[in-house]
Amino acid sequence: MLILSLKKLRQFAKDESGVIMTEFLIVLPLMTWSIMALVVWWDTWRTINEGQKAAYAVADLVSRQKEVDMNFINGMETVMAGLLDRPDAISMRITSVRWIYDEITGTGRYSLIFSRSPFDKKTPLTESYVNSDISHLIPVMNSGESTVILETWTKYYPAFDVGIPVSDFRNFIVTKPRFYLSVCLSENMTPCESAAS
């Protein structure tokens, strides 16, 4: 009886029928997770890329204006939402600053022309914040030159949990005005020229 059992055990060990199916069942969860991870990673990079392109398009639109109002600023978020096809996942802030350099003291600072967020989703920047926290992100300018800063945030929700959390992808774009010395806000109490002094 023992010899018969050993003989059957050897036959079973040599039998390779069904091995492919067993190996497939072992590898299937890993393959499924890998495909899901590739889809999520691809979608993440696609979202980042589309957000950058849409932000640059909006920054270019703003830089071509002499004067904007809140309807225009709110419309820029609508434009970006249309470009990305994600209306509830976008927020932005548009800021216009001018560099003022004092040759006597040898010091310079940014003068805030305006800072607004469409539909008041983000807090407007202050002049002190621009000069202390983000001045290193703004390129060097000549005294009296101005620039437009567009900040965008695109909320990303991954389709599957593969290690990428819900994220806000931020873009910080600095664009020089195209046709005018500066971009101004029509609702400002002080004229745009006065903001430079």
C-alpha atoms as a PDB file:
ATOM      1  CA  MET A   1       0.000   0.000   0.000  1.00  0.00           C
ATOM      2  CA  LEU A   2       2.861   2.358   0.851  1.00  0.00           C
ATOM      3  CA  ILE A   3       4.531   1.591  -2.482  1.00  0.00           C
ATOM      4  CA  LEU A   4       1.284   2.352  -4.305  1.00  0.00           C
ATOM      5  CA  SER A   5       0.959   5.700  -2.499  1.00  0.00           C
ATOM      6  CA  LEU A   6       4.536   6.670  -3.363  1.00  0.00           C
ATOM      7  CA  LYS A   7       3.925   5.691  -6.977  1.00  0.00           C
ATOM      8  CA  LYS A   8       0.795   7.888  -7.156  1.00  0.00           C
ATOM      9  CA  LEU A   9       2.633  10.729  -5.443  1.00  0.00           C
ATOM     10  CA  ARG A  10       5.422  10.585  -8.061  1.00  0.00           C
ATOM     11  CA  GLN A  11       2.863  10.539 -10.877  1.00  0.00           C
ATOM     12  CA  PHE A  12       1.139  13.535  -9.366  1.00  0.00           C
ATOM     13  CA  ALA A  13       4.469  15.394  -9.082  1.00  0.00           C
ATOM     14  CA  LYS A  14       5.265  14.714 -12.764  1.00  0.00           C
ATOM     15  CA  ASP A  15       1.782  15.633 -13.991  1.00  0.00           C
ATOM     16  CA  GLU A  16       1.837  19.146 -15.519  1.00  0.00           C
ATOM     17  CA  SER A  17      -1.794  19.426 -16.617  1.00  0.00           C
ATOM     18  CA  GLY A  18      -3.456  22.529 -15.163  1.00  0.00           C
ATOM     19  CA  VAL A  19      -0.161  24.215 -14.225  1.00  0.00           C
ATOM     20  CA  ILE A  20      -0.714  27.128 -16.595  1.00  0.00           C
ATOM     21  CA  MET A  21      -4.114  27.858 -15.071  1.00  0.00           C
ATOM     22  CA  THR A  22      -2.664  27.717 -11.558  1.00  0.00           C
ATOM     23  CA  GLU A  23       0.175  30.059 -12.466  1.00  0.00           C
ATOM     24  CA  PHE A  24      -2.283  32.416 -14.138  1.00  0.00           C
ATOM     25  CA  LEU A  25      -4.452  32.529 -11.021  1.00  0.00           C
ATOM     26  CA  ILE A  26      -1.393  33.343  -8.915  1.00  0.00           C
ATOM     27  CA  VAL A  27      -0.254  36.153 -11.266  1.00  0.00           C
ATOM     28  CA  LEU A  28      -3.735  37.568 -12.068  1.00  0.00           C
ATOM     29  CA  PRO A  29      -4.013  39.892  -9.022  1.00  0.00           C
ATOM     30  CA  LEU A  30      -0.574  41.363  -9.704  1.00  0.00           C
ATOM     31  CA  MET A  31      -1.383  41.884 -13.381  1.00  0.00           C
ATOM     32  CA  THR A  32      -4.714  43.513 -12.503  1.00  0.00           C
ATOM     33  CA  TRP A  33      -3.072  45.868  -9.987  1.00  0.00           C
ATOM     34  CA  SER A  34      -0.324  46.726 -12.495  1.00  0.00           C
ATOM     35  CA  ILE A  35      -2.821  47.644 -15.204  1.00  0.00           C
ATOM     36  CA  MET A  36      -4.854  49.755 -12.759  1.00  0.00           C
ATOM     37  CA  ALA A  37      -1.659  51.481 -11.555  1.00  0.00           C
ATOM     38  CA  LEU A  38      -0.599  52.251 -15.143  1.00  0.00           C
ATOM     39  CA  VAL A  39      -4.017  53.748 -15.909  1.00  0.00           C
ATOM     40  CA  VAL A  40      -3.923  55.947 -12.786  1.00  0.00           C
ATOM     41  CA  TRP A  41      -0.317  57.071 -13.356  1.00  0.00           C
ATOM     42  CA  TRP A  42      -1.080  57.900 -16.985  1.00  0.00           C
ATOM     43  CA  ASP A  43      -4.211  59.827 -15.935  1.00  0.00           C
ATOM     44  CA  THR A  44      -2.198  61.719 -13.302  1.00  0.00           C
ATOM     45  CA  TRP A  45       0.396  62.897 -15.823  1.00  0.00           C
ATOM     46  CA  ARG A  46      -2.343  63.708 -18.334  1.00  0.00           C
ATOM     47  CA  THR A  47      -4.068  65.903 -15.735  1.00  0.00           C
ATOM     48  CA  ILE A  48      -0.807  67.704 -14.915  1.00  0.00           C
ATOM     49  CA  ASN A  49      -0.051  68.264 -18.614  1.00  0.00           C
ATOM     50  CA  GLU A  50      -3.541  69.505 -19.480  1.00  0.00           C
ATOM     51  CA  GLY A  51      -3.537  71.791 -16.430  1.00  0.00           C
ATOM     52  CA  GLN A  52      -0.248  73.380 -17.500  1.00  0.00           C
ATOM     53  CA  LYS A  53      -1.429  73.925 -21.070  1.00  0.00           C
ATOM     54  CA  ALA A  54      -4.735  75.447 -19.959  1.00  0.00           C
ATOM     55  CA  ALA A  55      -2.966  77.673 -17.411  1.00  0.00           C
ATOM     56  CA  TYR A  56      -0.559  78.986 -20.052  1.00  0.00           C
ATOM     57  CA  ALA A  57      -3.487  79.715 -22.385  1.00  0.00           C
ATOM     58  CA  VAL A  58      -5.292  81.682 -19.662  1.00  0.00           C
ATOM     59  CA  ALA A  59      -2.091  83.528 -18.681  1.00  0.00           C
ATOM     60  CA  ASP A  60      -1.624  84.532 -22.324  1.00  0.00           C
ATOM     61  CA  LEU A  61      -5.222  85.813 -22.516  1.00  0.00           C
ATOM     62  CA  VAL A  62      -4.750  87.910 -19.378  1.00  0.00           C
ATOM     63  CA  SER A  63      -1.387  89.289 -20.531  1.00  0.00           C
ATOM     64  CA  ARG A  64      -2.980  90.720 -23.689  1.00  0.00           C
ATOM     65  CA  GLN A  65      -5.381  92.946 -21.744  1.00  0.00           C
ATOM     66  CA  LYS A  66      -4.871  96.548 -20.630  1.00  0.00           C
ATOM     67  CA  GLU A  67      -7.629  96.453 -18.058  1.00  0.00           C
ATOM     68  CA  VAL A  68      -9.689  93.595 -16.627  1.00  0.00           C
ATOM     69  CA  ASP A  69     -12.760  93.477 -14.427  1.00  0.00           C
ATOM     70  CA  MET A  70     -14.228  90.801 -12.179  1.00  0.00           C
ATOM     71  CA  ASN A  71     -16.443  89.487 -14.994  1.00  0.00           C
ATOM     72  CA  PHE A  72     -13.310  88.904 -17.085  1.00  0.00           C
ATOM     73  CA  ILE A  73     -11.485  87.253 -14.150  1.00  0.00           C
ATOM     74  CA  ASN A  74     -14.454  84.977 -13.423  1.00  0.00           C
ATOM     75  CA  GLY A  75     -14.626  84.191 -17.126  1.00  0.00           C
ATOM     76  CA  MET A  76     -10.987  83.056 -17.138  1.00  0.00           C
ATOM     77  CA  GLU A  77     -11.845  80.282 -14.699  1.00  0.00           C
ATOM     78  CA  THR A  78     -14.758  79.315 -16.949  1.00  0.00           C
ATOM     79  CA  VAL A  79     -12.355  79.206 -19.922  1.00  0.00           C
ATOM     80  CA  MET A  80      -9.940  76.984 -18.003  1.00  0.00           C
ATOM     81  CA  ALA A  81     -12.757  74.727 -16.829  1.00  0.00           C
ATOM     82  CA  GLY A  82     -13.881  74.375 -20.442  1.00  0.00           C
ATOM     83  CA  LEU A  83     -10.367  73.530 -21.610  1.00  0.00           C
ATOM     84  CA  LEU A  84      -9.956  70.878 -18.924  1.00  0.00           C
ATOM     85  CA  ASP A  85     -13.566  69.656 -18.841  1.00  0.00           C
ATOM     86  CA  ARG A  86     -13.390  69.678 -15.009  1.00  0.00           C
ATOM     87  CA  PRO A  87     -15.622  72.550 -13.870  1.00  0.00           C
ATOM     88  CA  ASP A  88     -15.608  71.802 -10.136  1.00  0.00           C
ATOM     89  CA  ALA A  89     -11.918  70.951  -9.783  1.00  0.00           C
ATOM     90  CA  ILE A  90     -10.319  74.298 -10.637  1.00  0.00           C
ATOM     91  CA  SER A  91      -9.380  77.423  -8.731  1.00  0.00           C
ATOM     92  CA  MET A  92      -7.060  80.256  -9.687  1.00  0.00           C
ATOM     93  CA  ARG A  93      -5.669  83.608  -8.616  1.00  0.00           C
ATOM     94  CA  ILE A  94      -4.563  86.435 -10.923  1.00  0.00           C
ATOM     95  CA  THR A  95      -2.077  88.975  -9.585  1.00  0.00           C
ATOM     96  CA  SER A  96      -0.433  91.956 -11.259  1.00  0.00           C
ATOM     97  CA  VAL A  97       2.736  93.441  -9.741  1.00  0.00           C
ATOM     98  CA  ARG A  98       5.267  96.132 -10.656  1.00  0.00           C
ATOM     99  CA  TRP A  99       8.957  96.180  -9.660  1.00  0.00           C
ATOM    100  CA  ILE A 100      10.061  99.446  -8.051  1.00  0.00           C
ATOM    101  CA  TYR A 101      13.783 100.018  -7.566  1.00  0.00           C
ATOM    102  CA  ASP A 102      15.154 102.920  -5.541  1.00  0.00           C
ATOM    103  CA  GLU A 103      18.590 103.849  -6.903  1.00  0.00           C
ATOM    104  CA  ILE A 104      19.420 106.008  -3.888  1.00  0.00           C
ATOM    105  CA  THR A 105      18.994 103.227  -1.320  1.00  0.00           C
ATOM    106  CA  GLY A 106      19.806 100.427  -3.733  1.00  0.00           C
ATOM    107  CA  THR A 107      16.726  98.443  -2.703  1.00  0.00           C
ATOM    108  CA  GLY A 108      13.735  97.218  -4.630  1.00  0.00           C
ATOM    109  CA  ARG A 109      10.262  95.931  -3.899  1.00  0.00           C
ATOM    110  CA  TYR A 110       7.182  94.706  -5.711  1.00  0.00           C
ATOM    111  CA  SER A 111       4.201  97.028  -5.778  1.00  0.00           C
ATOM    112  CA  LEU A 112       0.874  95.193  -5.935  1.00  0.00           C
ATOM    113  CA  ILE A 113      -1.410  96.458  -8.702  1.00  0.00           C
ATOM    114  CA  PHE A 114      -4.171  93.943  -7.967  1.00  0.00           C
ATOM    115  CA  SER A 115      -4.765  90.368  -6.875  1.00  0.00           C
ATOM    116  CA  ARG A 116      -8.096  88.603  -7.340  1.00  0.00           C
ATOM    117  CA  SER A 117      -9.467  85.084  -7.441  1.00  0.00           C
ATOM    118  CA  PRO A 118     -12.476  84.106  -9.556  1.00  0.00           C
ATOM    119  CA  PHE A 119     -15.560  83.657  -7.397  1.00  0.00           C
ATOM    120  CA  ASP A 120     -13.340  84.439  -4.328  1.00  0.00           C
ATOM    121  CA  LYS A 121     -12.101  80.832  -4.089  1.00  0.00           C
ATOM    122  CA  LYS A 122      -8.592  81.907  -3.032  1.00  0.00           C
ATOM    123  CA  THR A 123      -7.422  84.733  -0.784  1.00  0.00           C
ATOM    124  CA  PRO A 124      -5.917  87.670  -2.721  1.00  0.00           C
ATOM    125  CA  LEU A 125      -2.174  88.135  -2.286  1.00  0.00           C
ATOM    126  CA  THR A 126      -0.866  91.043  -0.255  1.00  0.00           C
ATOM    127  CA  GLU A 127       2.096  93.216  -1.173  1.00  0.00           C
ATOM    128  CA  SER A 128       4.059  92.007   1.859  1.00  0.00           C
ATOM    129  CA  TYR A 129       3.425  88.356   0.916  1.00  0.00           C
ATOM    130  CA  VAL A 130       4.606  88.973  -2.649  1.00  0.00           C
ATOM    131  CA  ASN A 131       7.795  90.650  -1.401  1.00  0.00           C
ATOM    132  CA  SER A 132       8.611  88.084   1.281  1.00  0.00           C
ATOM    133  CA  ASP A 133       7.292  84.686   0.162  1.00  0.00           C
ATOM    134  CA  ILE A 134       7.104  84.524  -3.624  1.00  0.00           C
ATOM    135  CA  SER A 135       9.583  87.159  -4.806  1.00  0.00           C
ATOM    136  CA  HIS A 136      12.131  84.407  -5.564  1.00  0.00           C
ATOM    137  CA  LEU A 137       9.673  82.927  -8.092  1.00  0.00           C
ATOM    138  CA  ILE A 138       9.358  86.149 -10.091  1.00  0.00           C
ATOM    139  CA  PRO A 139      12.029  86.834 -12.747  1.00  0.00           C
ATOM    140  CA  VAL A 140      14.286  89.886 -12.434  1.00  0.00           C
ATOM    141  CA  MET A 141      12.725  92.992 -13.992  1.00  0.00           C
ATOM    142  CA  ASN A 142      13.776  96.570 -14.673  1.00  0.00           C
ATOM    143  CA  SER A 143      12.385  99.281 -12.442  1.00  0.00           C
ATOM    144  CA  GLY A 144       8.848 100.182 -13.489  1.00  0.00           C
ATOM    145  CA  GLU A 145       8.196  96.921 -15.359  1.00  0.00           C
ATOM    146  CA  SER A 146       5.178  94.872 -14.415  1.00  0.00           C
ATOM    147  CA  THR A 147       4.170  91.269 -14.737  1.00  0.00           C
ATOM    148  CA  VAL A 148       1.087  89.105 -14.357  1.00  0.00           C
ATOM    149  CA  ILE A 149       1.165  86.093 -12.054  1.00  0.00           C
ATOM    150  CA  LEU A 150      -1.355  83.344 -12.656  1.00  0.00           C
ATOM    151  CA  GLU A 151      -1.670  80.614 -10.041  1.00  0.00           C
ATOM    152  CA  THR A 152      -3.914  77.646 -10.739  1.00  0.00           C
ATOM    153  CA  TRP A 153      -4.888  74.634  -8.682  1.00  0.00           C
ATOM    154  CA  THR A 154      -6.392  71.544 -10.314  1.00  0.00           C
ATOM    155  CA  LYS A 155      -7.911  68.971  -7.974  1.00  0.00           C
ATOM    156  CA  TYR A 156      -7.147  65.379  -8.975  1.00  0.00           C
ATOM    157  CA  TYR A 157      -9.147  62.363  -7.813  1.00  0.00           C
ATOM    158  CA  PRO A 158      -7.528  59.026  -8.786  1.00  0.00           C
ATOM    159  CA  ALA A 159      -9.891  56.395 -10.145  1.00  0.00           C
ATOM    160  CA  PHE A 160      -8.289  53.602  -8.069  1.00  0.00           C
ATOM    161  CA  ASP A 161      -6.247  53.528  -4.883  1.00  0.00           C
ATOM    162  CA  VAL A 162      -2.781  52.583  -6.114  1.00  0.00           C
ATOM    163  CA  GLY A 163      -0.726  54.909  -3.937  1.00  0.00           C
ATOM    164  CA  ILE A 164      -1.539  58.317  -5.465  1.00  0.00           C
ATOM    165  CA  PRO A 165      -3.615  60.424  -3.057  1.00  0.00           C
ATOM    166  CA  VAL A 166      -6.199  63.055  -3.935  1.00  0.00           C
ATOM    167  CA  SER A 167      -3.993  66.011  -4.938  1.00  0.00           C
ATOM    168  CA  ASP A 168      -4.017  69.677  -5.896  1.00  0.00           C
ATOM    169  CA  PHE A 169      -1.685  70.281  -8.852  1.00  0.00           C
ATOM    170  CA  ARG A 170      -0.448  73.880  -8.713  1.00  0.00           C
ATOM    171  CA  ASN A 171       0.864  75.985 -11.565  1.00  0.00           C
ATOM    172  CA  PHE A 172       2.676  79.288 -10.993  1.00  0.00           C
ATOM    173  CA  ILE A 173       3.016  81.216 -14.250  1.00  0.00           C
ATOM    174  CA  VAL A 174       4.639  84.636 -14.630  1.00  0.00           C
ATOM    175  CA  THR A 175       3.853  86.452 -17.882  1.00  0.00           C
ATOM    176  CA  LYS A 176       4.911  89.893 -19.027  1.00  0.00           C
ATOM    177  CA  PRO A 177       2.074  92.035 -20.462  1.00  0.00           C
ATOM    178  CA  ARG A 178       2.087  91.743 -24.252  1.00  0.00           C
ATOM    179  CA  PHE A 179       0.931  95.119 -25.576  1.00  0.00           C
ATOM    180  CA  TYR A 180       0.690  97.408 -22.541  1.00  0.00           C
ATOM    181  CA  LEU A 181       2.919  98.415 -19.645  1.00  0.00           C
ATOM    182  CA  SER A 182       0.704  96.659 -17.123  1.00  0.00           C
ATOM    183  CA  VAL A 183      -2.574  94.817 -16.656  1.00  0.00           C
ATOM    184  CA  CYS A 184      -4.911  96.766 -14.380  1.00  0.00           C
ATOM    185  CA  LEU A 185      -8.172  96.028 -12.573  1.00  0.00           C
ATOM    186  CA  SER A 186     -10.990  98.433 -13.447  1.00  0.00           C
ATOM    187  CA  GLU A 187     -12.615  98.033  -9.990  1.00  0.00           C
ATOM    188  CA  ASN A 188      -9.500  99.319  -8.152  1.00  0.00           C
ATOM    189  CA  MET A 189     -10.056 102.560  -6.266  1.00  0.00           C
ATOM    190  CA  THR A 190      -6.596 103.876  -7.219  1.00  0.00           C
ATOM    191  CA  PRO A 191      -5.642 104.253 -10.867  1.00  0.00           C
ATOM    192  CA  CYS A 192      -3.184 101.725 -12.222  1.00  0.00           C
ATOM    193  CA  GLU A 193      -0.509 104.375 -12.813  1.00  0.00           C
ATOM    194  CA  SER A 194      -0.732 105.431  -9.149  1.00  0.00           C
ATOM    195  CA  ALA A 195      -0.112 101.860  -8.009  1.00  0.00           C
ATOM    196  CA  ALA A 196       3.432 102.146  -9.318  1.00  0.00           C
ATOM    197  CA  SER A 197       4.433 105.029  -7.072  1.00  0.00           C
END
